Amino acid sequence: MFQSVHRRTMLRATLIAAFPWAPAAVRAQASPELKSLQIVVPAPPGSQPDLIARWLIEPMSQRAGLSGTVINRPGAAGAIAADATLSAAPETGTLLLAGLDHVAYSHLNGNRRALDPFVDFVPVGAVNRDSWILASGGEQAFRSAAALIEYSRAQGPLNYASTGEGSTAHLLTARLCKALGIDAQHVPYKDSWMPDLIGGRIHFVVAPTPAVLGHVRGGRLQALASLTEKRLALLDAVPSMHELGWPDQIFYGGLFLFAPAALAAHAERLNAWLVETLTRADIVQRYRDAAIETTPLGLEQVRSSMRQRLQTIDAMRSAVFGRTR
């Protein structure tokens, strides 16, 4: 079914590109009238991406004069969510809120064709820029990166969680373990790993700052280091990887909003609705309170940012897996 949808989508896009004077019926088929807006999230309810999506859908759908829904499709490192977005009827206005790993790499885990974020999808917006934190939990939570390293060397393998094989969290953590000499086993999760981290069943994670900030402030998790150049203002007692002597571990990520190729003709107005939402004072403050930096970029800036991010993730995949795609 997915391949059939993809072939139809690409045929229509090719027809319009090659024949801009094509009959109206062909153009209407390729550019359906939107009857709603839906945002698919490759994460469970209550997760950081889920909250970001729910804060977006209401103002965006109101601006569009349409009903809005958030759909959670966690699992398979984003492949399930990507497939759900591509197979949705175009008139439903189904979009994907995801990182590049969920689009460009998730299908590789199932030995399927890698999706292309510029062909299978149309990037319509950059939503946020995030920092990442190395954190530990449980009664025996580590108090520093040095303590984590020392325990690993003295006591043997640890374990860490991520949202799936090849996800950004997995790549960052695997790269970090290699650089710091930590012996650790990867444990991929379909649902939230937070209960196991707080309960001490998972030793540590590398996760976006907003995903762990509340638990760090509440004393349920211990932040060991930020993968940043300087200390974070919201966690000024936590050292940065740069000051700890590992500047090659610095990473800034973020989520993009993707439309399936069938909605390419709507890219400009989808981008406009998103930018308008991300620049509203109340929305900016809501995200800021959750340690999320909004990035209201135009389409060309979005594409440029995405190309740069692809290069970064390709380099990480090469370091972890010995290959990019």
C-alpha atoms as a PDB file:
ATOM      1  CA  MET A   1       0.000   0.000   0.000  1.00  0.00           C
ATOM      2  CA  PHE A   2       2.794   2.404   0.938  1.00  0.00           C
ATOM      3  CA  GLN A   3       4.648   1.820  -2.345  1.00  0.00           C
ATOM      4  CA  SER A   4       1.438   2.391  -4.296  1.00  0.00           C
ATOM      5  CA  VAL A   5       0.788   5.676  -2.495  1.00  0.00           C
ATOM      6  CA  HIS A   6       4.372   6.736  -3.072  1.00  0.00           C
ATOM      7  CA  ARG A   7       4.216   5.958  -6.811  1.00  0.00           C
ATOM      8  CA  ARG A   8       0.986   7.931  -7.210  1.00  0.00           C
ATOM      9  CA  THR A   9       2.406  10.853  -5.259  1.00  0.00           C
ATOM     10  CA  MET A  10       5.598  11.018  -7.307  1.00  0.00           C
ATOM     11  CA  LEU A  11       3.720  10.662 -10.601  1.00  0.00           C
ATOM     12  CA  ARG A  12       1.503  13.614  -9.768  1.00  0.00           C
ATOM     13  CA  ALA A  13       4.454  15.726  -8.633  1.00  0.00           C
ATOM     14  CA  THR A  14       6.331  14.862 -11.834  1.00  0.00           C
ATOM     15  CA  LEU A  15       3.332  15.756 -14.012  1.00  0.00           C
ATOM     16  CA  ILE A  16       2.960  19.165 -12.422  1.00  0.00           C
ATOM     17  CA  ALA A  17       6.686  19.926 -12.600  1.00  0.00           C
ATOM     18  CA  ALA A  18       6.914  18.885 -16.238  1.00  0.00           C
ATOM     19  CA  PHE A  19       3.535  20.217 -17.378  1.00  0.00           C
ATOM     20  CA  PRO A  20       2.525  23.313 -15.401  1.00  0.00           C
ATOM     21  CA  TRP A  21      -0.282  23.822 -17.915  1.00  0.00           C
ATOM     22  CA  ALA A  22      -1.730  20.369 -17.106  1.00  0.00           C
ATOM     23  CA  PRO A  23      -5.533  20.058 -16.918  1.00  0.00           C
ATOM     24  CA  ALA A  24      -7.163  21.387 -13.798  1.00  0.00           C
ATOM     25  CA  ALA A  25      -8.360  17.895 -12.856  1.00  0.00           C
ATOM     26  CA  VAL A  26      -4.756  16.669 -12.659  1.00  0.00           C
ATOM     27  CA  ARG A  27      -3.658  19.689 -10.621  1.00  0.00           C
ATOM     28  CA  ALA A  28      -6.645  19.419  -8.296  1.00  0.00           C
ATOM     29  CA  GLN A  29      -5.858  15.749  -7.714  1.00  0.00           C
ATOM     30  CA  ALA A  30      -2.292  16.651  -6.784  1.00  0.00           C
ATOM     31  CA  SER A  31      -3.362  19.633  -4.660  1.00  0.00           C
ATOM     32  CA  PRO A  32      -6.438  18.508  -2.694  1.00  0.00           C
ATOM     33  CA  GLU A  33      -8.483  20.884  -0.629  1.00  0.00           C
ATOM     34  CA  LEU A  34      -7.605  20.392   3.029  1.00  0.00           C
ATOM     35  CA  LYS A  35     -10.514  19.285   5.196  1.00  0.00           C
ATOM     36  CA  SER A  36      -8.546  19.101   8.452  1.00  0.00           C
ATOM     37  CA  LEU A  37      -5.062  19.242   9.956  1.00  0.00           C
ATOM     38  CA  GLN A  38      -3.488  16.255  11.690  1.00  0.00           C
ATOM     39  CA  ILE A  39      -0.037  16.027  13.251  1.00  0.00           C
ATOM     40  CA  VAL A  40       1.440  12.555  13.598  1.00  0.00           C
ATOM     41  CA  VAL A  41       4.008  12.156  16.375  1.00  0.00           C
ATOM     42  CA  PRO A  42       6.481   9.231  16.579  1.00  0.00           C
ATOM     43  CA  ALA A  43       6.272   9.248  20.380  1.00  0.00           C
ATOM     44  CA  PRO A  44       3.741   8.321  23.091  1.00  0.00           C
ATOM     45  CA  PRO A  45       1.297  10.753  24.741  1.00  0.00           C
ATOM     46  CA  GLY A  46       2.919  12.965  27.358  1.00  0.00           C
ATOM     47  CA  SER A  47       6.340  12.899  25.716  1.00  0.00           C
ATOM     48  CA  GLN A  48       8.142  16.086  24.688  1.00  0.00           C
ATOM     49  CA  PRO A  49       7.269  15.753  20.950  1.00  0.00           C
ATOM     50  CA  ASP A  50       3.652  15.038  21.874  1.00  0.00           C
ATOM     51  CA  LEU A  51       3.431  18.221  23.964  1.00  0.00           C
ATOM     52  CA  ILE A  52       5.071  20.266  21.212  1.00  0.00           C
ATOM     53  CA  ALA A  53       2.521  18.921  18.716  1.00  0.00           C
ATOM     54  CA  ARG A  54      -0.439  19.627  20.997  1.00  0.00           C
ATOM     55  CA  TRP A  55       0.734  23.194  21.546  1.00  0.00           C
ATOM     56  CA  LEU A  56       0.951  23.615  17.753  1.00  0.00           C
ATOM     57  CA  ILE A  57      -2.211  21.969  16.493  1.00  0.00           C
ATOM     58  CA  GLU A  58      -4.787  24.235  18.131  1.00  0.00           C
ATOM     59  CA  PRO A  59      -3.462  27.621  16.932  1.00  0.00           C
ATOM     60  CA  MET A  60      -2.478  26.243  13.511  1.00  0.00           C
ATOM     61  CA  SER A  61      -5.856  24.630  12.894  1.00  0.00           C
ATOM     62  CA  GLN A  62      -7.667  27.752  14.135  1.00  0.00           C
ATOM     63  CA  ARG A  63      -5.629  29.868  11.750  1.00  0.00           C
ATOM     64  CA  ALA A  64      -6.498  27.475   8.904  1.00  0.00           C
ATOM     65  CA  GLY A  65     -10.174  27.349   9.893  1.00  0.00           C
ATOM     66  CA  LEU A  66      -9.991  23.556  10.162  1.00  0.00           C
ATOM     67  CA  SER A  67     -10.339  20.893  12.837  1.00  0.00           C
ATOM     68  CA  GLY A  68      -7.057  19.693  14.316  1.00  0.00           C
ATOM     69  CA  THR A  69      -5.889  16.393  15.785  1.00  0.00           C
ATOM     70  CA  VAL A  70      -2.669  14.912  17.180  1.00  0.00           C
ATOM     71  CA  ILE A  71      -2.055  11.234  16.407  1.00  0.00           C
ATOM     72  CA  ASN A  72       0.541   9.227  18.339  1.00  0.00           C
ATOM     73  CA  ARG A  73       2.335   6.502  16.378  1.00  0.00           C
ATOM     74  CA  PRO A  74       5.392   5.502  18.445  1.00  0.00           C
ATOM     75  CA  GLY A  75       7.739   2.647  17.631  1.00  0.00           C
ATOM     76  CA  ALA A  76      10.237   1.432  15.027  1.00  0.00           C
ATOM     77  CA  ALA A  77      12.382   4.568  15.451  1.00  0.00           C
ATOM     78  CA  GLY A  78       9.795   6.656  13.620  1.00  0.00           C
ATOM     79  CA  ALA A  79       9.010   4.303  10.714  1.00  0.00           C
ATOM     80  CA  ILE A  80       5.438   3.681  11.929  1.00  0.00           C
ATOM     81  CA  ALA A  81       4.713   7.416  12.125  1.00  0.00           C
ATOM     82  CA  ALA A  82       6.304   8.109   8.746  1.00  0.00           C
ATOM     83  CA  ASP A  83       4.265   5.371   7.083  1.00  0.00           C
ATOM     84  CA  ALA A  84       1.068   6.602   8.733  1.00  0.00           C
ATOM     85  CA  THR A  85       1.686  10.100   7.386  1.00  0.00           C
ATOM     86  CA  LEU A  86       2.427   8.943   3.849  1.00  0.00           C
ATOM     87  CA  SER A  87      -0.564   6.602   3.687  1.00  0.00           C
ATOM     88  CA  ALA A  88      -3.098   9.147   4.986  1.00  0.00           C
ATOM     89  CA  ALA A  89      -5.600  10.603   2.537  1.00  0.00           C
ATOM     90  CA  PRO A  90      -4.182  13.953   1.328  1.00  0.00           C
ATOM     91  CA  GLU A  91      -7.348  15.902   2.181  1.00  0.00           C
ATOM     92  CA  THR A  92      -6.868  15.037   5.867  1.00  0.00           C
ATOM     93  CA  GLY A  93      -3.886  17.411   5.930  1.00  0.00           C
ATOM     94  CA  THR A  94      -1.757  14.872   7.773  1.00  0.00           C
ATOM     95  CA  LEU A  95       1.691  16.177   8.752  1.00  0.00           C
ATOM     96  CA  LEU A  96       4.612  14.586  10.571  1.00  0.00           C
ATOM     97  CA  LEU A  97       6.351  16.259  13.509  1.00  0.00           C
ATOM     98  CA  ALA A  98       9.688  14.496  13.741  1.00  0.00           C
ATOM     99  CA  GLY A  99      13.436  14.626  13.727  1.00  0.00           C
ATOM    100  CA  LEU A 100      15.395  13.796  10.598  1.00  0.00           C
ATOM    101  CA  ASP A 101      16.226  10.388  12.034  1.00  0.00           C
ATOM    102  CA  HIS A 102      12.533   9.456  11.997  1.00  0.00           C
ATOM    103  CA  VAL A 103      12.329  10.150   8.273  1.00  0.00           C
ATOM    104  CA  ALA A 104      15.698   9.574   6.656  1.00  0.00           C
ATOM    105  CA  TYR A 105      16.900   6.531   8.602  1.00  0.00           C
ATOM    106  CA  SER A 106      14.095   4.699  10.403  1.00  0.00           C
ATOM    107  CA  HIS A 107      13.233   2.370   7.523  1.00  0.00           C
ATOM    108  CA  LEU A 108      16.812   1.152   7.302  1.00  0.00           C
ATOM    109  CA  ASN A 109      16.255  -0.861  10.479  1.00  0.00           C
ATOM    110  CA  GLY A 110      13.729  -2.995   8.598  1.00  0.00           C
ATOM    111  CA  ASN A 111      15.943  -3.286   5.522  1.00  0.00           C
ATOM    112  CA  ARG A 112      13.545  -1.068   3.591  1.00  0.00           C
ATOM    113  CA  ARG A 113      14.278   1.763   1.195  1.00  0.00           C
ATOM    114  CA  ALA A 114      15.394   4.859   3.043  1.00  0.00           C
ATOM    115  CA  LEU A 115      12.889   7.678   2.802  1.00  0.00           C
ATOM    116  CA  ASP A 116      14.028  11.001   1.377  1.00  0.00           C
ATOM    117  CA  PRO A 117      12.961  14.074   3.394  1.00  0.00           C
ATOM    118  CA  PHE A 118      13.053  16.159   0.190  1.00  0.00           C
ATOM    119  CA  VAL A 119      11.256  13.682  -2.117  1.00  0.00           C
ATOM    120  CA  ASP A 120       8.876  11.512  -0.113  1.00  0.00           C
ATOM    121  CA  PHE A 121       8.154  14.519   2.081  1.00  0.00           C
ATOM    122  CA  VAL A 122       8.182  18.297   1.805  1.00  0.00           C
ATOM    123  CA  PRO A 123       9.808  20.147   4.724  1.00  0.00           C
ATOM    124  CA  VAL A 124       7.333  22.856   5.732  1.00  0.00           C
ATOM    125  CA  GLY A 125       8.865  24.123   8.959  1.00  0.00           C
ATOM    126  CA  ALA A 126      11.521  23.956  11.650  1.00  0.00           C
ATOM    127  CA  VAL A 127       9.779  23.912  15.015  1.00  0.00           C
ATOM    128  CA  ASN A 128      12.496  24.100  17.639  1.00  0.00           C
ATOM    129  CA  ARG A 129      16.197  24.004  18.468  1.00  0.00           C
ATOM    130  CA  ASP A 130      17.010  21.884  21.479  1.00  0.00           C
ATOM    131  CA  SER A 131      19.919  21.054  23.734  1.00  0.00           C
ATOM    132  CA  TRP A 132      20.602  17.581  25.127  1.00  0.00           C
ATOM    133  CA  ILE A 133      21.388  16.316  28.624  1.00  0.00           C
ATOM    134  CA  LEU A 134      23.221  13.283  29.987  1.00  0.00           C
ATOM    135  CA  ALA A 135      21.056  12.183  32.927  1.00  0.00           C
ATOM    136  CA  SER A 136      20.882   9.367  35.474  1.00  0.00           C
ATOM    137  CA  GLY A 137      18.126   8.196  37.825  1.00  0.00           C
ATOM    138  CA  GLY A 138      17.169   5.875  40.649  1.00  0.00           C
ATOM    139  CA  GLU A 139      18.346   5.719  44.248  1.00  0.00           C
ATOM    140  CA  GLN A 140      21.900   5.073  43.091  1.00  0.00           C
ATOM    141  CA  ALA A 141      21.909   7.891  40.509  1.00  0.00           C
ATOM    142  CA  PHE A 142      25.364   8.943  39.402  1.00  0.00           C
ATOM    143  CA  ARG A 143      26.361  12.443  40.458  1.00  0.00           C
ATOM    144  CA  SER A 144      28.773  13.228  37.644  1.00  0.00           C
ATOM    145  CA  ALA A 145      29.966  12.024  34.271  1.00  0.00           C
ATOM    146  CA  ALA A 146      33.215  10.984  35.949  1.00  0.00           C
ATOM    147  CA  ALA A 147      31.297   8.764  38.412  1.00  0.00           C
ATOM    148  CA  LEU A 148      29.443   7.153  35.515  1.00  0.00           C
ATOM    149  CA  ILE A 149      32.703   6.388  33.718  1.00  0.00           C
ATOM    150  CA  GLU A 150      34.360   5.052  36.864  1.00  0.00           C
ATOM    151  CA  TYR A 151      31.427   2.754  37.691  1.00  0.00           C
ATOM    152  CA  SER A 152      31.353   1.361  34.169  1.00  0.00           C
ATOM    153  CA  ARG A 153      35.044   0.526  34.261  1.00  0.00           C
ATOM    154  CA  ALA A 154      34.912  -0.980  37.752  1.00  0.00           C
ATOM    155  CA  GLN A 155      31.567  -2.793  37.718  1.00  0.00           C
ATOM    156  CA  GLY A 156      31.019  -3.738  34.084  1.00  0.00           C
ATOM    157  CA  PRO A 157      28.340  -2.939  31.510  1.00  0.00           C
ATOM    158  CA  LEU A 158      25.625  -0.373  32.149  1.00  0.00           C
ATOM    159  CA  ASN A 159      22.500   0.176  30.062  1.00  0.00           C
ATOM    160  CA  TYR A 160      20.908   3.204  28.435  1.00  0.00           C
ATOM    161  CA  ALA A 161      17.566   3.901  26.785  1.00  0.00           C
ATOM    162  CA  SER A 162      16.521   5.486  23.509  1.00  0.00           C
ATOM    163  CA  THR A 163      13.432   5.742  21.334  1.00  0.00           C
ATOM    164  CA  GLY A 164      14.770   3.189  18.865  1.00  0.00           C
ATOM    165  CA  GLU A 165      17.710   1.767  16.964  1.00  0.00           C
ATOM    166  CA  GLY A 166      19.354   4.528  14.931  1.00  0.00           C
ATOM    167  CA  SER A 167      17.393   7.332  16.618  1.00  0.00           C
ATOM    168  CA  THR A 168      19.214  10.553  17.433  1.00  0.00           C
ATOM    169  CA  ALA A 169      19.220   9.607  21.118  1.00  0.00           C
ATOM    170  CA  HIS A 170      20.783   6.246  20.291  1.00  0.00           C
ATOM    171  CA  LEU A 171      23.440   7.792  18.038  1.00  0.00           C
ATOM    172  CA  LEU A 172      24.346  10.502  20.540  1.00  0.00           C
ATOM    173  CA  THR A 173      24.607   8.039  23.422  1.00  0.00           C
ATOM    174  CA  ALA A 174      26.585   5.459  21.466  1.00  0.00           C
ATOM    175  CA  ARG A 175      28.983   8.152  20.281  1.00  0.00           C
ATOM    176  CA  LEU A 176      29.291   9.470  23.845  1.00  0.00           C
ATOM    177  CA  CYS A 177      30.014   5.997  25.256  1.00  0.00           C
ATOM    178  CA  LYS A 178      32.735   5.469  22.689  1.00  0.00           C
ATOM    179  CA  ALA A 179      34.368   8.829  23.431  1.00  0.00           C
ATOM    180  CA  LEU A 180      34.170   8.466  27.224  1.00  0.00           C
ATOM    181  CA  GLY A 181      35.072   4.780  27.339  1.00  0.00           C
ATOM    182  CA  ILE A 182      31.751   3.682  28.852  1.00  0.00           C
ATOM    183  CA  ASP A 183      30.711   0.055  28.423  1.00  0.00           C
ATOM    184  CA  ALA A 184      26.920   0.135  28.021  1.00  0.00           C
ATOM    185  CA  GLN A 185      24.098  -1.815  26.393  1.00  0.00           C
ATOM    186  CA  HIS A 186      21.472  -0.047  24.288  1.00  0.00           C
ATOM    187  CA  VAL A 187      17.822  -0.676  25.243  1.00  0.00           C
ATOM    188  CA  PRO A 188      15.343   0.682  22.656  1.00  0.00           C
ATOM    189  CA  TYR A 189      11.869   1.640  23.853  1.00  0.00           C
ATOM    190  CA  LYS A 190       8.581   1.959  21.987  1.00  0.00           C
ATOM    191  CA  ASP A 191       6.889   3.633  24.945  1.00  0.00           C
ATOM    192  CA  SER A 192       8.359   5.988  27.525  1.00  0.00           C
ATOM    193  CA  TRP A 193      11.609   4.940  29.187  1.00  0.00           C
ATOM    194  CA  MET A 194      11.163   7.542  31.928  1.00  0.00           C
ATOM    195  CA  PRO A 195       9.641   5.208  34.591  1.00  0.00           C
ATOM    196  CA  ASP A 196      12.540   2.788  34.202  1.00  0.00           C
ATOM    197  CA  LEU A 197      15.104   5.595  34.378  1.00  0.00           C
ATOM    198  CA  ILE A 198      13.543   7.092  37.518  1.00  0.00           C
ATOM    199  CA  GLY A 199      13.266   3.612  39.006  1.00  0.00           C
ATOM    200  CA  GLY A 200      16.941   2.892  38.360  1.00  0.00           C
ATOM    201  CA  ARG A 201      16.319   0.003  35.958  1.00  0.00           C
ATOM    202  CA  ILE A 202      18.005   2.077  33.250  1.00  0.00           C
ATOM    203  CA  HIS A 203      21.323   3.592  34.294  1.00  0.00           C
ATOM    204  CA  PHE A 204      21.400   6.712  32.108  1.00  0.00           C
ATOM    205  CA  VAL A 205      20.085   8.452  28.999  1.00  0.00           C
ATOM    206  CA  VAL A 206      21.007  11.245  26.633  1.00  0.00           C
ATOM    207  CA  ALA A 207      17.774  13.160  26.044  1.00  0.00           C
ATOM    208  CA  PRO A 208      16.499  16.598  25.028  1.00  0.00           C
ATOM    209  CA  THR A 209      16.648  19.022  27.942  1.00  0.00           C
ATOM    210  CA  PRO A 210      12.858  19.635  28.078  1.00  0.00           C
ATOM    211  CA  ALA A 211      12.221  15.886  28.347  1.00  0.00           C
ATOM    212  CA  VAL A 212      14.144  15.610  31.628  1.00  0.00           C
ATOM    213  CA  LEU A 213      14.142  19.146  33.050  1.00  0.00           C
ATOM    214  CA  GLY A 214      11.089  18.753  35.290  1.00  0.00           C
ATOM    215  CA  HIS A 215      12.403  15.515  36.788  1.00  0.00           C
ATOM    216  CA  VAL A 216      15.852  17.049  37.357  1.00  0.00           C
ATOM    217  CA  ARG A 217      14.286  20.006  39.142  1.00  0.00           C
ATOM    218  CA  GLY A 218      12.117  17.630  41.156  1.00  0.00           C
ATOM    219  CA  GLY A 219      15.122  15.592  42.268  1.00  0.00           C
ATOM    220  CA  ARG A 220      14.009  12.405  40.502  1.00  0.00           C
ATOM    221  CA  LEU A 221      16.853  12.576  37.997  1.00  0.00           C
ATOM    222  CA  GLN A 222      20.440  13.769  38.172  1.00  0.00           C
ATOM    223  CA  ALA A 223      21.799  15.840  35.269  1.00  0.00           C
ATOM    224  CA  LEU A 224      25.453  14.950  34.703  1.00  0.00           C
ATOM    225  CA  ALA A 225      26.360  17.163  31.748  1.00  0.00           C
ATOM    226  CA  SER A 226      24.834  19.148  28.911  1.00  0.00           C
ATOM    227  CA  LEU A 227      25.910  18.450  25.330  1.00  0.00           C
ATOM    228  CA  THR A 228      26.491  22.173  24.842  1.00  0.00           C
ATOM    229  CA  GLU A 229      29.277  24.722  24.562  1.00  0.00           C
ATOM    230  CA  LYS A 230      28.281  26.622  27.701  1.00  0.00           C
ATOM    231  CA  ARG A 231      26.246  25.762  30.769  1.00  0.00           C
ATOM    232  CA  LEU A 232      22.502  26.063  30.302  1.00  0.00           C
ATOM    233  CA  ALA A 233      20.873  28.991  32.087  1.00  0.00           C
ATOM    234  CA  LEU A 234      18.125  26.710  33.407  1.00  0.00           C
ATOM    235  CA  LEU A 235      20.688  24.215  34.752  1.00  0.00           C
ATOM    236  CA  ASP A 236      23.643  26.427  35.606  1.00  0.00           C
ATOM    237  CA  ALA A 237      25.071  23.939  38.116  1.00  0.00           C
ATOM    238  CA  VAL A 238      25.455  21.288  35.406  1.00  0.00           C
ATOM    239  CA  PRO A 239      28.770  21.343  33.503  1.00  0.00           C
ATOM    240  CA  SER A 240      28.836  21.396  29.709  1.00  0.00           C
ATOM    241  CA  MET A 241      30.622  18.796  27.611  1.00  0.00           C
ATOM    242  CA  HIS A 242      32.895  21.547  26.340  1.00  0.00           C
ATOM    243  CA  GLU A 243      34.162  22.440  29.802  1.00  0.00           C
ATOM    244  CA  LEU A 244      34.547  18.752  30.679  1.00  0.00           C
ATOM    245  CA  GLY A 245      36.937  18.391  27.760  1.00  0.00           C
ATOM    246  CA  TRP A 246      34.717  16.684  25.165  1.00  0.00           C
ATOM    247  CA  PRO A 247      33.826  19.436  22.664  1.00  0.00           C
ATOM    248  CA  ASP A 248      33.206  16.844  19.947  1.00  0.00           C
ATOM    249  CA  GLN A 249      30.103  15.694  21.897  1.00  0.00           C
ATOM    250  CA  ILE A 250      28.263  19.004  21.483  1.00  0.00           C
ATOM    251  CA  PHE A 251      24.960  18.642  19.647  1.00  0.00           C
ATOM    252  CA  TYR A 252      21.896  20.787  18.999  1.00  0.00           C
ATOM    253  CA  GLY A 253      18.837  19.138  17.497  1.00  0.00           C
ATOM    254  CA  GLY A 254      15.197  19.906  16.972  1.00  0.00           C
ATOM    255  CA  LEU A 255      11.997  18.824  15.301  1.00  0.00           C
ATOM    256  CA  PHE A 256      10.773  19.598  11.797  1.00  0.00           C
ATOM    257  CA  LEU A 257       7.271  19.609  10.385  1.00  0.00           C
ATOM    258  CA  PHE A 258       6.981  17.476   7.243  1.00  0.00           C
ATOM    259  CA  ALA A 259       4.157  17.225   4.744  1.00  0.00           C
ATOM    260  CA  PRO A 260       3.860  14.235   2.416  1.00  0.00           C
ATOM    261  CA  ALA A 261       4.797  15.010  -1.192  1.00  0.00           C
ATOM    262  CA  ALA A 262       1.093  14.942  -2.127  1.00  0.00           C
ATOM    263  CA  LEU A 263       0.698  18.225  -0.194  1.00  0.00           C
ATOM    264  CA  ALA A 264       3.632  20.016  -1.848  1.00  0.00           C
ATOM    265  CA  ALA A 265       1.353  22.709  -3.255  1.00  0.00           C
ATOM    266  CA  HIS A 266       0.315  23.622   0.307  1.00  0.00           C
ATOM    267  CA  ALA A 267       3.885  24.014   1.603  1.00  0.00           C
ATOM    268  CA  GLU A 268       3.948  27.819   1.611  1.00  0.00           C
ATOM    269  CA  ARG A 269       0.731  28.303   3.514  1.00  0.00           C
ATOM    270  CA  LEU A 270       1.519  25.462   5.929  1.00  0.00           C
ATOM    271  CA  ASN A 271       4.824  27.208   6.612  1.00  0.00           C
ATOM    272  CA  ALA A 272       3.039  30.542   7.051  1.00  0.00           C
ATOM    273  CA  TRP A 273       0.580  29.035   9.562  1.00  0.00           C
ATOM    274  CA  LEU A 274       3.453  27.456  11.498  1.00  0.00           C
ATOM    275  CA  VAL A 275       5.588  30.620  11.533  1.00  0.00           C
ATOM    276  CA  GLU A 276       2.613  32.695  12.654  1.00  0.00           C
ATOM    277  CA  THR A 277       1.981  30.215  15.473  1.00  0.00           C
ATOM    278  CA  LEU A 278       5.627  30.085  16.578  1.00  0.00           C
ATOM    279  CA  THR A 279       5.852  33.882  16.769  1.00  0.00           C
ATOM    280  CA  ARG A 280       2.743  34.388  18.893  1.00  0.00           C
ATOM    281  CA  ALA A 281       3.789  35.822  22.259  1.00  0.00           C
ATOM    282  CA  ASP A 282       1.745  33.329  24.276  1.00  0.00           C
ATOM    283  CA  ILE A 283       3.111  30.352  22.317  1.00  0.00           C
ATOM    284  CA  VAL A 284       6.694  31.606  22.595  1.00  0.00           C
ATOM    285  CA  GLN A 285       6.284  31.935  26.366  1.00  0.00           C
ATOM    286  CA  ARG A 286       4.711  28.492  26.693  1.00  0.00           C
ATOM    287  CA  TYR A 287       7.629  26.885  24.900  1.00  0.00           C
ATOM    288  CA  ARG A 288      10.181  29.013  26.764  1.00  0.00           C
ATOM    289  CA  ASP A 289       8.749  27.886  30.098  1.00  0.00           C
ATOM    290  CA  ALA A 290       9.407  24.303  28.965  1.00  0.00           C
ATOM    291  CA  ALA A 291      12.994  25.132  27.912  1.00  0.00           C
ATOM    292  CA  ILE A 292      12.089  24.930  24.209  1.00  0.00           C
ATOM    293  CA  GLU A 293      13.525  27.456  21.759  1.00  0.00           C
ATOM    294  CA  THR A 294      11.187  28.042  18.819  1.00  0.00           C
ATOM    295  CA  THR A 295      12.613  28.420  15.285  1.00  0.00           C
ATOM    296  CA  PRO A 296      10.125  30.200  12.989  1.00  0.00           C
ATOM    297  CA  LEU A 297      12.030  29.836   9.706  1.00  0.00           C
ATOM    298  CA  GLY A 298      10.955  30.365   6.104  1.00  0.00           C
ATOM    299  CA  LEU A 299      10.967  27.473   3.658  1.00  0.00           C
ATOM    300  CA  GLU A 300      14.435  28.110   2.234  1.00  0.00           C
ATOM    301  CA  GLN A 301      15.942  28.437   5.702  1.00  0.00           C
ATOM    302  CA  VAL A 302      14.208  25.212   6.714  1.00  0.00           C
ATOM    303  CA  ARG A 303      15.707  23.318   3.780  1.00  0.00           C
ATOM    304  CA  SER A 304      19.177  24.720   4.472  1.00  0.00           C
ATOM    305  CA  SER A 305      18.952  23.792   8.157  1.00  0.00           C
ATOM    306  CA  MET A 306      17.797  20.302   7.239  1.00  0.00           C
ATOM    307  CA  ARG A 307      20.706  19.740   4.851  1.00  0.00           C
ATOM    308  CA  GLN A 308      23.171  20.754   7.556  1.00  0.00           C
ATOM    309  CA  ARG A 309      21.487  18.441  10.063  1.00  0.00           C
ATOM    310  CA  LEU A 310      21.661  15.552   7.597  1.00  0.00           C
ATOM    311  CA  GLN A 311      25.416  16.001   7.334  1.00  0.00           C
ATOM    312  CA  THR A 312      25.727  15.929  11.131  1.00  0.00           C
ATOM    313  CA  ILE A 313      23.597  12.810  11.545  1.00  0.00           C
ATOM    314  CA  ASP A 314      25.330  11.069   8.642  1.00  0.00           C
ATOM    315  CA  ALA A 315      28.647  11.674  10.422  1.00  0.00           C
ATOM    316  CA  MET A 316      27.236  10.211  13.649  1.00  0.00           C
ATOM    317  CA  ARG A 317      25.854   7.167  11.858  1.00  0.00           C
ATOM    318  CA  SER A 318      29.218   6.641  10.224  1.00  0.00           C
ATOM    319  CA  ALA A 319      30.930   6.818  13.621  1.00  0.00           C
ATOM    320  CA  VAL A 320      28.460   4.423  15.266  1.00  0.00           C
ATOM    321  CA  PHE A 321      27.558   2.002  12.477  1.00  0.00           C
ATOM    322  CA  GLY A 322      30.410   2.486  10.010  1.00  0.00           C
ATOM    323  CA  ARG A 323      27.913   3.681   7.390  1.00  0.00           C
ATOM    324  CA  THR A 324      25.439   6.478   6.745  1.00  0.00           C
ATOM    325  CA  ARG A 325      22.587   4.889   4.786  1.00  0.00           C
END
